[in-house]
Amino acid sequence: MNFAIGVYGYTFTRPFSVGGVEFLPLFGNFSEAKNKGRDARALNLTGVLLVAMESRHELNSRRRTLADLEAVLSFSEQQRVVLANMAQVHTNEDVVAVLSGATDHELKQTISDKLHAGELITGGLARPSGGACLQYDAFSPCMRPVFSQLAMERLADQQFNEATGFRSAFYRNVEIVKLGNVPIDVSYSLLFTGLELLANKCPQIRNSWTLARKLETFLNEHGLEVTADETQRIAACRNALFHDGKYVGKYKNDAGARVEVSITELKRPGTLFTDALLKVAGYSDPHINWKRWLDRRPFFARTKSTEQTTALNPS
């Protein structure tokens, strides 16, 4: 029998499947899907996940897989996505039509159109985000489905995770996304340890090296083109935070002068961390601008007429 699970806060307009599990969007219009999916103040129902199970009890044996799937969606969106509320689907029942329609139905009683977590008295955003790291399907139909399938395979591969540290680092990234507005020392602790974990697993790394050199070697080995100065800045901020609980570190620049650098002055290390995870997973797409942590242009599109690459930022 089939069960439907609500997908909340994920922007998509086309059906796709991951590991035999089918995703069905509620909105075919991109503007509407994006308004619902990228809402920073609420988790809106944007689609359903159809999964074949013998019974509700089988769900317990699949919780880890569903948790990984939820994490993959959150990573792609770089904004919290939730899989919640499950209902049995009757044979030949059109779930999307039922949930999109105006008529009352028992499915709507279980799979609500929004998850309510209470109003934030501080006025803060429930789902802050710097922007999605993978292109919407309205612009690149295959980017997210291909990554989702790959990421699920990587997360389930124990040997791969032991060799690369991918799973532990990946969940650090997702936790940063889920935590939202938290003190810098919380989010940056996850970010720094995630980058360091990945770097330490790189075969070219030597234990005796400084953290800056490890990061430089690791990131350049994966095509992210960083300079020694940039990784020294990251390492200086990491050491200041971890050893002294401070947001400002010191390092020697290329001229040999000892200079200060603040965490807030780093060039989008969160994006660098996200892209490092994509690279470690073995994901590659010509539309991704791998220098976006520097120039803030996340994607490229190839025009049909000129075949020239131009920057595209739909967010």
C-alpha atoms as a PDB file:
ATOM      1  CA  MET A   1       0.000   0.000   0.000  1.00  0.00           C
ATOM      2  CA  ASN A   2       1.066   3.598  -0.529  1.00  0.00           C
ATOM      3  CA  PHE A   3       1.411   6.355   2.021  1.00  0.00           C
ATOM      4  CA  ALA A   4       1.720  10.073   1.409  1.00  0.00           C
ATOM      5  CA  ILE A   5       4.051  12.220   3.526  1.00  0.00           C
ATOM      6  CA  GLY A   6       3.903  15.996   3.423  1.00  0.00           C
ATOM      7  CA  VAL A   7       6.899  17.888   2.030  1.00  0.00           C
ATOM      8  CA  TYR A   8       7.166  21.285   3.706  1.00  0.00           C
ATOM      9  CA  GLY A   9       9.389  24.126   2.522  1.00  0.00           C
ATOM     10  CA  TYR A  10      10.949  22.562  -0.576  1.00  0.00           C
ATOM     11  CA  THR A  11      10.726  24.395  -3.914  1.00  0.00           C
ATOM     12  CA  PHE A  12       9.937  22.142  -6.866  1.00  0.00           C
ATOM     13  CA  THR A  13       7.539  22.107  -9.814  1.00  0.00           C
ATOM     14  CA  ARG A  14       8.281  18.747 -11.470  1.00  0.00           C
ATOM     15  CA  PRO A  15       7.814  15.191 -10.207  1.00  0.00           C
ATOM     16  CA  PHE A  16      11.002  13.262  -9.492  1.00  0.00           C
ATOM     17  CA  SER A  17      12.041  10.102  -7.699  1.00  0.00           C
ATOM     18  CA  VAL A  18      14.907   9.171  -5.392  1.00  0.00           C
ATOM     19  CA  GLY A  19      15.593   5.530  -4.688  1.00  0.00           C
ATOM     20  CA  GLY A  20      12.131   4.534  -5.837  1.00  0.00           C
ATOM     21  CA  VAL A  21      10.430   7.126  -3.655  1.00  0.00           C
ATOM     22  CA  GLU A  22       8.277   9.531  -5.644  1.00  0.00           C
ATOM     23  CA  PHE A  23       8.008  13.290  -5.072  1.00  0.00           C
ATOM     24  CA  LEU A  24       4.936  15.077  -6.403  1.00  0.00           C
ATOM     25  CA  PRO A  25       4.770  18.912  -6.399  1.00  0.00           C
ATOM     26  CA  LEU A  26       1.616  20.779  -5.449  1.00  0.00           C
ATOM     27  CA  PHE A  27       2.466  23.757  -7.633  1.00  0.00           C
ATOM     28  CA  GLY A  28       3.365  23.657 -11.317  1.00  0.00           C
ATOM     29  CA  ASN A  29       3.883  27.408 -11.481  1.00  0.00           C
ATOM     30  CA  PHE A  30       7.413  28.360 -10.411  1.00  0.00           C
ATOM     31  CA  SER A  31       6.518  31.722  -8.876  1.00  0.00           C
ATOM     32  CA  GLU A  32       3.886  30.130  -6.679  1.00  0.00           C
ATOM     33  CA  ALA A  33       6.140  27.202  -5.773  1.00  0.00           C
ATOM     34  CA  LYS A  34       8.984  29.545  -4.859  1.00  0.00           C
ATOM     35  CA  ASN A  35       6.776  31.844  -2.774  1.00  0.00           C
ATOM     36  CA  LYS A  36       5.599  28.852  -0.770  1.00  0.00           C
ATOM     37  CA  GLY A  37       8.904  26.990  -0.655  1.00  0.00           C
ATOM     38  CA  ARG A  38      11.163  29.932   0.193  1.00  0.00           C
ATOM     39  CA  ASP A  39       8.851  31.519   2.758  1.00  0.00           C
ATOM     40  CA  ALA A  40      11.237  32.560   5.531  1.00  0.00           C
ATOM     41  CA  ARG A  41       8.503  32.739   8.160  1.00  0.00           C
ATOM     42  CA  ALA A  42       6.677  29.447   7.661  1.00  0.00           C
ATOM     43  CA  LEU A  43       6.924  25.855   6.494  1.00  0.00           C
ATOM     44  CA  ASN A  44       4.295  25.546   3.769  1.00  0.00           C
ATOM     45  CA  LEU A  45       3.188  22.300   2.158  1.00  0.00           C
ATOM     46  CA  THR A  46       4.770  22.270  -1.303  1.00  0.00           C
ATOM     47  CA  GLY A  47       4.365  18.635  -2.291  1.00  0.00           C
ATOM     48  CA  VAL A  48       3.993  15.063  -1.164  1.00  0.00           C
ATOM     49  CA  LEU A  49       6.291  12.089  -0.897  1.00  0.00           C
ATOM     50  CA  LEU A  50       4.732   8.812  -2.006  1.00  0.00           C
ATOM     51  CA  VAL A  51       6.269   5.760  -0.383  1.00  0.00           C
ATOM     52  CA  ALA A  52       5.237   2.122  -0.580  1.00  0.00           C
ATOM     53  CA  MET A  53       5.015   0.443   2.836  1.00  0.00           C
ATOM     54  CA  GLU A  54       3.265  -2.637   4.139  1.00  0.00           C
ATOM     55  CA  SER A  55       1.994  -0.736   7.157  1.00  0.00           C
ATOM     56  CA  ARG A  56       2.610   2.291   9.338  1.00  0.00           C
ATOM     57  CA  HIS A  57       4.798   0.126  11.568  1.00  0.00           C
ATOM     58  CA  GLU A  58       7.270  -0.242   8.696  1.00  0.00           C
ATOM     59  CA  LEU A  59       7.968   3.460   9.020  1.00  0.00           C
ATOM     60  CA  ASN A  60      10.131   2.787  12.079  1.00  0.00           C
ATOM     61  CA  SER A  61      12.556   0.738   9.987  1.00  0.00           C
ATOM     62  CA  ARG A  62      12.833   3.545   7.438  1.00  0.00           C
ATOM     63  CA  ARG A  63      13.232   6.522   9.734  1.00  0.00           C
ATOM     64  CA  ARG A  64      16.970   6.832   9.086  1.00  0.00           C
ATOM     65  CA  THR A  65      16.420   6.872   5.327  1.00  0.00           C
ATOM     66  CA  LEU A  66      13.658   9.463   5.616  1.00  0.00           C
ATOM     67  CA  ALA A  67      15.819  11.572   7.952  1.00  0.00           C
ATOM     68  CA  ASP A  68      18.623  11.462   5.384  1.00  0.00           C
ATOM     69  CA  LEU A  69      16.175  12.422   2.656  1.00  0.00           C
ATOM     70  CA  GLU A  70      14.928  15.367   4.695  1.00  0.00           C
ATOM     71  CA  ALA A  71      18.540  16.437   5.267  1.00  0.00           C
ATOM     72  CA  VAL A  72      19.330  16.220   1.541  1.00  0.00           C
ATOM     73  CA  LEU A  73      16.344  18.448   0.714  1.00  0.00           C
ATOM     74  CA  SER A  74      17.378  20.957   3.389  1.00  0.00           C
ATOM     75  CA  PHE A  75      20.936  20.972   2.058  1.00  0.00           C
ATOM     76  CA  SER A  76      19.780  21.608  -1.525  1.00  0.00           C
ATOM     77  CA  GLU A  77      17.503  24.425  -0.396  1.00  0.00           C
ATOM     78  CA  GLN A  78      19.952  25.693   2.270  1.00  0.00           C
ATOM     79  CA  GLN A  79      16.804  26.325   4.227  1.00  0.00           C
ATOM     80  CA  ARG A  80      15.002  23.998   6.609  1.00  0.00           C
ATOM     81  CA  VAL A  81      12.784  21.422   4.878  1.00  0.00           C
ATOM     82  CA  VAL A  82      10.560  19.039   6.823  1.00  0.00           C
ATOM     83  CA  LEU A  83       8.919  15.723   5.960  1.00  0.00           C
ATOM     84  CA  ALA A  84       5.891  15.383   8.216  1.00  0.00           C
ATOM     85  CA  ASN A  85       2.362  13.982   8.529  1.00  0.00           C
ATOM     86  CA  MET A  86       1.596  10.636   6.918  1.00  0.00           C
ATOM     87  CA  ALA A  87      -1.667   9.339   5.496  1.00  0.00           C
ATOM     88  CA  GLN A  88      -2.633   6.203   3.619  1.00  0.00           C
ATOM     89  CA  VAL A  89      -3.476   6.752  -0.031  1.00  0.00           C
ATOM     90  CA  HIS A  90      -6.332   4.776  -1.501  1.00  0.00           C
ATOM     91  CA  THR A  91      -5.966   3.056  -4.871  1.00  0.00           C
ATOM     92  CA  ASN A  92      -6.216   5.458  -7.827  1.00  0.00           C
ATOM     93  CA  GLU A  93      -6.472   8.444  -5.489  1.00  0.00           C
ATOM     94  CA  ASP A  94      -4.914  11.617  -6.911  1.00  0.00           C
ATOM     95  CA  VAL A  95      -3.159  13.037  -3.865  1.00  0.00           C
ATOM     96  CA  VAL A  96      -2.098  16.284  -5.528  1.00  0.00           C
ATOM     97  CA  ALA A  97      -5.601  16.993  -6.825  1.00  0.00           C
ATOM     98  CA  VAL A  98      -7.079  16.326  -3.396  1.00  0.00           C
ATOM     99  CA  LEU A  99      -4.625  18.520  -1.505  1.00  0.00           C
ATOM    100  CA  SER A 100      -4.783  21.292  -4.107  1.00  0.00           C
ATOM    101  CA  GLY A 101      -8.566  21.276  -4.388  1.00  0.00           C
ATOM    102  CA  ALA A 102     -11.058  23.330  -2.441  1.00  0.00           C
ATOM    103  CA  THR A 103     -13.167  20.368  -1.329  1.00  0.00           C
ATOM    104  CA  ASP A 104     -12.729  19.012   2.197  1.00  0.00           C
ATOM    105  CA  HIS A 105     -11.068  15.620   2.367  1.00  0.00           C
ATOM    106  CA  GLU A 106      -9.679  13.382   5.091  1.00  0.00           C
ATOM    107  CA  LEU A 107      -6.193  13.714   3.610  1.00  0.00           C
ATOM    108  CA  LYS A 108      -6.273  17.437   4.346  1.00  0.00           C
ATOM    109  CA  GLN A 109      -6.994  16.731   7.998  1.00  0.00           C
ATOM    110  CA  THR A 110      -3.762  14.763   8.281  1.00  0.00           C
ATOM    111  CA  ILE A 111      -1.500  16.556   5.792  1.00  0.00           C
ATOM    112  CA  SER A 112      -2.051  20.199   6.688  1.00  0.00           C
ATOM    113  CA  ASP A 113      -1.121  23.035   4.364  1.00  0.00           C
ATOM    114  CA  LYS A 114       1.336  24.517   6.853  1.00  0.00           C
ATOM    115  CA  LEU A 115       3.361  23.455   9.877  1.00  0.00           C
ATOM    116  CA  HIS A 116       2.701  25.772  12.798  1.00  0.00           C
ATOM    117  CA  ALA A 117       5.560  26.283  15.224  1.00  0.00           C
ATOM    118  CA  GLY A 118       4.107  29.341  16.909  1.00  0.00           C
ATOM    119  CA  GLU A 119       4.715  32.997  16.241  1.00  0.00           C
ATOM    120  CA  LEU A 120       8.201  34.320  16.992  1.00  0.00           C
ATOM    121  CA  ILE A 121       7.788  37.121  19.512  1.00  0.00           C
ATOM    122  CA  THR A 122      11.245  38.386  18.611  1.00  0.00           C
ATOM    123  CA  GLY A 123      10.146  39.016  15.049  1.00  0.00           C
ATOM    124  CA  GLY A 124      12.964  36.858  13.737  1.00  0.00           C
ATOM    125  CA  LEU A 125      12.735  34.601  10.705  1.00  0.00           C
ATOM    126  CA  ALA A 126      11.879  30.937  11.237  1.00  0.00           C
ATOM    127  CA  ARG A 127      13.826  29.864   8.138  1.00  0.00           C
ATOM    128  CA  PRO A 128      16.606  32.329   7.281  1.00  0.00           C
ATOM    129  CA  SER A 129      18.735  31.426   4.270  1.00  0.00           C
ATOM    130  CA  GLY A 130      21.510  32.844   2.162  1.00  0.00           C
ATOM    131  CA  GLY A 131      20.040  31.175  -0.930  1.00  0.00           C
ATOM    132  CA  ALA A 132      19.723  27.702  -2.401  1.00  0.00           C
ATOM    133  CA  CYS A 133      22.964  25.932  -3.342  1.00  0.00           C
ATOM    134  CA  LEU A 134      21.338  23.898  -6.127  1.00  0.00           C
ATOM    135  CA  GLN A 135      19.298  25.362  -8.959  1.00  0.00           C
ATOM    136  CA  TYR A 136      15.497  25.154  -9.026  1.00  0.00           C
ATOM    137  CA  ASP A 137      13.999  22.616 -11.421  1.00  0.00           C
ATOM    138  CA  ALA A 138      12.324  25.403 -13.387  1.00  0.00           C
ATOM    139  CA  PHE A 139      15.815  26.396 -14.567  1.00  0.00           C
ATOM    140  CA  SER A 140      17.711  23.112 -14.346  1.00  0.00           C
ATOM    141  CA  PRO A 141      15.355  20.094 -14.239  1.00  0.00           C
ATOM    142  CA  CYS A 142      18.019  17.496 -13.407  1.00  0.00           C
ATOM    143  CA  MET A 143      20.344  19.262 -10.957  1.00  0.00           C
ATOM    144  CA  ARG A 144      18.514  18.573  -7.709  1.00  0.00           C
ATOM    145  CA  PRO A 145      17.201  15.067  -8.531  1.00  0.00           C
ATOM    146  CA  VAL A 146      20.661  13.905  -9.642  1.00  0.00           C
ATOM    147  CA  PHE A 147      22.300  15.284  -6.511  1.00  0.00           C
ATOM    148  CA  SER A 148      19.570  13.882  -4.252  1.00  0.00           C
ATOM    149  CA  GLN A 149      20.110  10.371  -5.604  1.00  0.00           C
ATOM    150  CA  LEU A 150      23.890  10.684  -5.303  1.00  0.00           C
ATOM    151  CA  ALA A 151      23.750  12.146  -1.792  1.00  0.00           C
ATOM    152  CA  MET A 152      21.445   9.380  -0.543  1.00  0.00           C
ATOM    153  CA  GLU A 153      23.872   6.769  -1.890  1.00  0.00           C
ATOM    154  CA  ARG A 154      26.833   8.527  -0.277  1.00  0.00           C
ATOM    155  CA  LEU A 155      25.124   8.907   3.091  1.00  0.00           C
ATOM    156  CA  ALA A 156      24.311   5.192   3.137  1.00  0.00           C
ATOM    157  CA  ASP A 157      27.837   4.124   2.135  1.00  0.00           C
ATOM    158  CA  GLN A 158      29.709   3.426   5.377  1.00  0.00           C
ATOM    159  CA  GLN A 159      33.035   2.804   3.661  1.00  0.00           C
ATOM    160  CA  PHE A 160      32.812   6.088   1.749  1.00  0.00           C
ATOM    161  CA  ASN A 161      31.927   8.008   4.905  1.00  0.00           C
ATOM    162  CA  GLU A 162      34.798   6.518   6.878  1.00  0.00           C
ATOM    163  CA  ALA A 163      37.204   7.469   4.094  1.00  0.00           C
ATOM    164  CA  THR A 164      35.910  11.014   3.545  1.00  0.00           C
ATOM    165  CA  GLY A 165      34.047  12.131   6.673  1.00  0.00           C
ATOM    166  CA  PHE A 166      31.188  13.097   4.368  1.00  0.00           C
ATOM    167  CA  ARG A 167      28.220  12.071   6.524  1.00  0.00           C
ATOM    168  CA  SER A 168      29.431  13.813   9.694  1.00  0.00           C
ATOM    169  CA  ALA A 169      30.378  16.975   7.819  1.00  0.00           C
ATOM    170  CA  PHE A 170      27.148  16.921   5.784  1.00  0.00           C
ATOM    171  CA  TYR A 171      25.004  16.849   8.904  1.00  0.00           C
ATOM    172  CA  ARG A 172      26.974  19.722  10.378  1.00  0.00           C
ATOM    173  CA  ASN A 173      26.023  21.764   7.322  1.00  0.00           C
ATOM    174  CA  VAL A 174      22.371  20.767   7.647  1.00  0.00           C
ATOM    175  CA  GLU A 175      22.345  21.637  11.345  1.00  0.00           C
ATOM    176  CA  ILE A 176      23.626  25.120  10.528  1.00  0.00           C
ATOM    177  CA  VAL A 177      20.695  25.471   8.122  1.00  0.00           C
ATOM    178  CA  LYS A 178      18.175  24.193  10.656  1.00  0.00           C
ATOM    179  CA  LEU A 179      19.450  26.285  13.556  1.00  0.00           C
ATOM    180  CA  GLY A 180      18.895  29.536  11.681  1.00  0.00           C
ATOM    181  CA  ASN A 181      19.554  32.629  13.762  1.00  0.00           C
ATOM    182  CA  VAL A 182      21.952  31.455  16.457  1.00  0.00           C
ATOM    183  CA  PRO A 183      25.093  33.041  17.918  1.00  0.00           C
ATOM    184  CA  ILE A 184      28.089  33.078  15.579  1.00  0.00           C
ATOM    185  CA  ASP A 185      30.116  30.794  17.812  1.00  0.00           C
ATOM    186  CA  VAL A 186      27.499  28.041  17.441  1.00  0.00           C
ATOM    187  CA  SER A 187      27.168  28.108  13.655  1.00  0.00           C
ATOM    188  CA  TYR A 188      30.857  28.727  13.020  1.00  0.00           C
ATOM    189  CA  SER A 189      31.878  25.898  15.330  1.00  0.00           C
ATOM    190  CA  LEU A 190      29.899  23.528  13.130  1.00  0.00           C
ATOM    191  CA  LEU A 191      31.311  25.142   9.988  1.00  0.00           C
ATOM    192  CA  PHE A 192      34.961  25.037  11.089  1.00  0.00           C
ATOM    193  CA  THR A 193      34.802  21.473  12.411  1.00  0.00           C
ATOM    194  CA  GLY A 194      33.045  20.357   9.225  1.00  0.00           C
ATOM    195  CA  LEU A 195      35.729  21.814   6.972  1.00  0.00           C
ATOM    196  CA  GLU A 196      38.495  20.494   9.193  1.00  0.00           C
ATOM    197  CA  LEU A 197      36.956  17.025   9.276  1.00  0.00           C
ATOM    198  CA  LEU A 198      36.840  16.856   5.470  1.00  0.00           C
ATOM    199  CA  ALA A 199      40.367  18.219   5.108  1.00  0.00           C
ATOM    200  CA  ASN A 200      41.846  15.723   7.567  1.00  0.00           C
ATOM    201  CA  LYS A 201      40.423  12.849   5.514  1.00  0.00           C
ATOM    202  CA  CYS A 202      42.053  14.065   2.299  1.00  0.00           C
ATOM    203  CA  PRO A 203      44.765  11.538   1.248  1.00  0.00           C
ATOM    204  CA  GLN A 204      47.228  14.302   0.362  1.00  0.00           C
ATOM    205  CA  ILE A 205      47.141  15.750   3.891  1.00  0.00           C
ATOM    206  CA  ARG A 206      49.911  15.208   6.434  1.00  0.00           C
ATOM    207  CA  ASN A 207      49.107  15.276  10.164  1.00  0.00           C
ATOM    208  CA  SER A 208      52.063  17.546  10.869  1.00  0.00           C
ATOM    209  CA  TRP A 209      50.749  20.310   8.617  1.00  0.00           C
ATOM    210  CA  THR A 210      49.100  23.457   9.930  1.00  0.00           C
ATOM    211  CA  LEU A 211      45.341  23.740   9.598  1.00  0.00           C
ATOM    212  CA  ALA A 212      45.747  26.497   7.019  1.00  0.00           C
ATOM    213  CA  ARG A 213      47.921  24.303   4.816  1.00  0.00           C
ATOM    214  CA  LYS A 214      45.536  21.366   5.210  1.00  0.00           C
ATOM    215  CA  LEU A 215      42.583  23.496   4.129  1.00  0.00           C
ATOM    216  CA  GLU A 216      44.495  24.993   1.220  1.00  0.00           C
ATOM    217  CA  THR A 217      45.554  21.571  -0.053  1.00  0.00           C
ATOM    218  CA  PHE A 218      42.155  19.968   0.425  1.00  0.00           C
ATOM    219  CA  LEU A 219      40.133  22.756  -1.186  1.00  0.00           C
ATOM    220  CA  ASN A 220      42.478  23.127  -4.158  1.00  0.00           C
ATOM    221  CA  GLU A 221      42.549  19.350  -4.672  1.00  0.00           C
ATOM    222  CA  HIS A 222      38.783  19.607  -5.122  1.00  0.00           C
ATOM    223  CA  GLY A 223      38.942  22.512  -7.556  1.00  0.00           C
ATOM    224  CA  LEU A 224      37.818  25.309  -5.257  1.00  0.00           C
ATOM    225  CA  GLU A 225      40.883  27.489  -5.924  1.00  0.00           C
ATOM    226  CA  VAL A 226      41.759  29.132  -2.632  1.00  0.00           C
ATOM    227  CA  THR A 227      44.943  31.021  -1.759  1.00  0.00           C
ATOM    228  CA  ALA A 228      47.208  30.479   1.229  1.00  0.00           C
ATOM    229  CA  ASP A 229      46.122  33.858   2.608  1.00  0.00           C
ATOM    230  CA  GLU A 230      42.455  32.895   2.484  1.00  0.00           C
ATOM    231  CA  THR A 231      42.936  29.635   4.347  1.00  0.00           C
ATOM    232  CA  GLN A 232      45.177  31.347   6.900  1.00  0.00           C
ATOM    233  CA  ARG A 233      42.345  33.779   7.597  1.00  0.00           C
ATOM    234  CA  ILE A 234      39.916  30.905   8.141  1.00  0.00           C
ATOM    235  CA  ALA A 235      42.376  29.050  10.377  1.00  0.00           C
ATOM    236  CA  ALA A 236      43.092  32.185  12.424  1.00  0.00           C
ATOM    237  CA  CYS A 237      39.384  32.726  13.104  1.00  0.00           C
ATOM    238  CA  ARG A 238      38.892  29.051  13.932  1.00  0.00           C
ATOM    239  CA  ASN A 239      41.772  29.076  16.424  1.00  0.00           C
ATOM    240  CA  ALA A 240      40.621  32.310  18.049  1.00  0.00           C
ATOM    241  CA  LEU A 241      37.103  30.950  18.499  1.00  0.00           C
ATOM    242  CA  PHE A 242      38.099  27.511  19.757  1.00  0.00           C
ATOM    243  CA  HIS A 243      41.050  28.484  21.969  1.00  0.00           C
ATOM    244  CA  ASP A 244      40.049  31.920  23.253  1.00  0.00           C
ATOM    245  CA  GLY A 245      36.322  32.190  22.586  1.00  0.00           C
ATOM    246  CA  LYS A 246      36.967  35.287  20.485  1.00  0.00           C
ATOM    247  CA  TYR A 247      35.731  36.339  17.041  1.00  0.00           C
ATOM    248  CA  VAL A 248      39.001  37.981  15.990  1.00  0.00           C
ATOM    249  CA  GLY A 249      42.179  36.059  15.170  1.00  0.00           C
ATOM    250  CA  LYS A 250      45.686  36.968  14.045  1.00  0.00           C
ATOM    251  CA  TYR A 251      47.895  35.597  11.283  1.00  0.00           C
ATOM    252  CA  LYS A 252      50.898  36.557   9.150  1.00  0.00           C
ATOM    253  CA  ASN A 253      49.937  37.861   5.726  1.00  0.00           C
ATOM    254  CA  ASP A 254      51.939  37.462   2.517  1.00  0.00           C
ATOM    255  CA  ALA A 255      54.132  40.418   3.479  1.00  0.00           C
ATOM    256  CA  GLY A 256      55.023  38.813   6.798  1.00  0.00           C
ATOM    257  CA  ALA A 257      53.051  41.334   8.844  1.00  0.00           C
ATOM    258  CA  ARG A 258      50.886  40.081  11.697  1.00  0.00           C
ATOM    259  CA  VAL A 259      47.323  41.229  11.040  1.00  0.00           C
ATOM    260  CA  GLU A 260      43.931  40.752  12.608  1.00  0.00           C
ATOM    261  CA  VAL A 261      40.913  39.178  10.935  1.00  0.00           C
ATOM    262  CA  SER A 262      37.349  38.915  12.225  1.00  0.00           C
ATOM    263  CA  ILE A 263      34.965  36.052  11.534  1.00  0.00           C
ATOM    264  CA  THR A 264      32.586  38.554   9.961  1.00  0.00           C
ATOM    265  CA  GLU A 265      35.305  39.521   7.456  1.00  0.00           C
ATOM    266  CA  LEU A 266      35.693  36.011   6.025  1.00  0.00           C
ATOM    267  CA  LYS A 267      34.523  35.603   2.440  1.00  0.00           C
ATOM    268  CA  ARG A 268      31.391  33.438   2.717  1.00  0.00           C
ATOM    269  CA  PRO A 269      32.974  30.376   4.344  1.00  0.00           C
ATOM    270  CA  GLY A 270      29.518  28.815   4.615  1.00  0.00           C
ATOM    271  CA  THR A 271      29.256  28.664   0.836  1.00  0.00           C
ATOM    272  CA  LEU A 272      32.783  27.287   0.649  1.00  0.00           C
ATOM    273  CA  PHE A 273      31.822  24.539   3.112  1.00  0.00           C
ATOM    274  CA  THR A 274      28.691  23.700   1.126  1.00  0.00           C
ATOM    275  CA  ASP A 275      30.600  23.492  -2.151  1.00  0.00           C
ATOM    276  CA  ALA A 276      33.320  21.379  -0.541  1.00  0.00           C
ATOM    277  CA  LEU A 277      30.619  18.854   0.395  1.00  0.00           C
ATOM    278  CA  LEU A 278      29.322  18.825  -3.173  1.00  0.00           C
ATOM    279  CA  LYS A 279      32.843  18.168  -4.424  1.00  0.00           C
ATOM    280  CA  VAL A 280      33.563  15.419  -1.883  1.00  0.00           C
ATOM    281  CA  ALA A 281      30.305  13.702  -2.830  1.00  0.00           C
ATOM    282  CA  GLY A 282      31.558  13.677  -6.413  1.00  0.00           C
ATOM    283  CA  TYR A 283      28.837  15.977  -7.704  1.00  0.00           C
ATOM    284  CA  SER A 284      29.553  18.214 -10.669  1.00  0.00           C
ATOM    285  CA  ASP A 285      27.330  20.375 -12.847  1.00  0.00           C
ATOM    286  CA  PRO A 286      28.445  22.939 -15.472  1.00  0.00           C
ATOM    287  CA  HIS A 287      25.866  25.438 -14.245  1.00  0.00           C
ATOM    288  CA  ILE A 288      27.435  25.774 -10.801  1.00  0.00           C
ATOM    289  CA  ASN A 289      29.870  28.629 -10.377  1.00  0.00           C
ATOM    290  CA  TRP A 290      32.520  27.154  -8.067  1.00  0.00           C
ATOM    291  CA  LYS A 291      33.838  30.644  -7.302  1.00  0.00           C
ATOM    292  CA  ARG A 292      30.505  31.806  -5.936  1.00  0.00           C
ATOM    293  CA  TRP A 293      31.874  32.010  -2.411  1.00  0.00           C
ATOM    294  CA  LEU A 294      33.959  34.909  -3.766  1.00  0.00           C
ATOM    295  CA  ASP A 295      31.786  36.610  -6.382  1.00  0.00           C
ATOM    296  CA  ARG A 296      28.276  35.756  -5.081  1.00  0.00           C
ATOM    297  CA  ARG A 297      27.085  34.543  -8.510  1.00  0.00           C
ATOM    298  CA  PRO A 298      25.765  31.051  -7.773  1.00  0.00           C
ATOM    299  CA  PHE A 299      24.934  29.660 -11.212  1.00  0.00           C
ATOM    300  CA  PHE A 300      25.784  29.833 -14.900  1.00  0.00           C
ATOM    301  CA  ALA A 301      23.489  29.248 -17.850  1.00  0.00           C
ATOM    302  CA  ARG A 302      24.604  28.335 -21.371  1.00  0.00           C
ATOM    303  CA  THR A 303      22.713  30.192 -24.093  1.00  0.00           C
ATOM    304  CA  LYS A 304      21.570  28.122 -27.058  1.00  0.00           C
ATOM    305  CA  SER A 305      22.672  30.658 -29.641  1.00  0.00           C
ATOM    306  CA  THR A 306      26.162  31.628 -28.482  1.00  0.00           C
ATOM    307  CA  GLU A 307      27.077  28.790 -26.090  1.00  0.00           C
ATOM    308  CA  GLN A 308      28.644  31.450 -23.921  1.00  0.00           C
ATOM    309  CA  THR A 309      28.444  31.108 -20.157  1.00  0.00           C
ATOM    310  CA  THR A 310      26.714  33.920 -18.325  1.00  0.00           C
ATOM    311  CA  ALA A 311      25.945  34.425 -14.684  1.00  0.00           C
ATOM    312  CA  LEU A 312      22.431  33.642 -13.533  1.00  0.00           C
ATOM    313  CA  ASN A 313      20.972  34.293 -10.112  1.00  0.00           C
ATOM    314  CA  PRO A 314      17.253  33.456  -9.896  1.00  0.00           C
ATOM    315  CA  SER A 315      17.037  33.667  -6.122  1.00  0.00           C
END
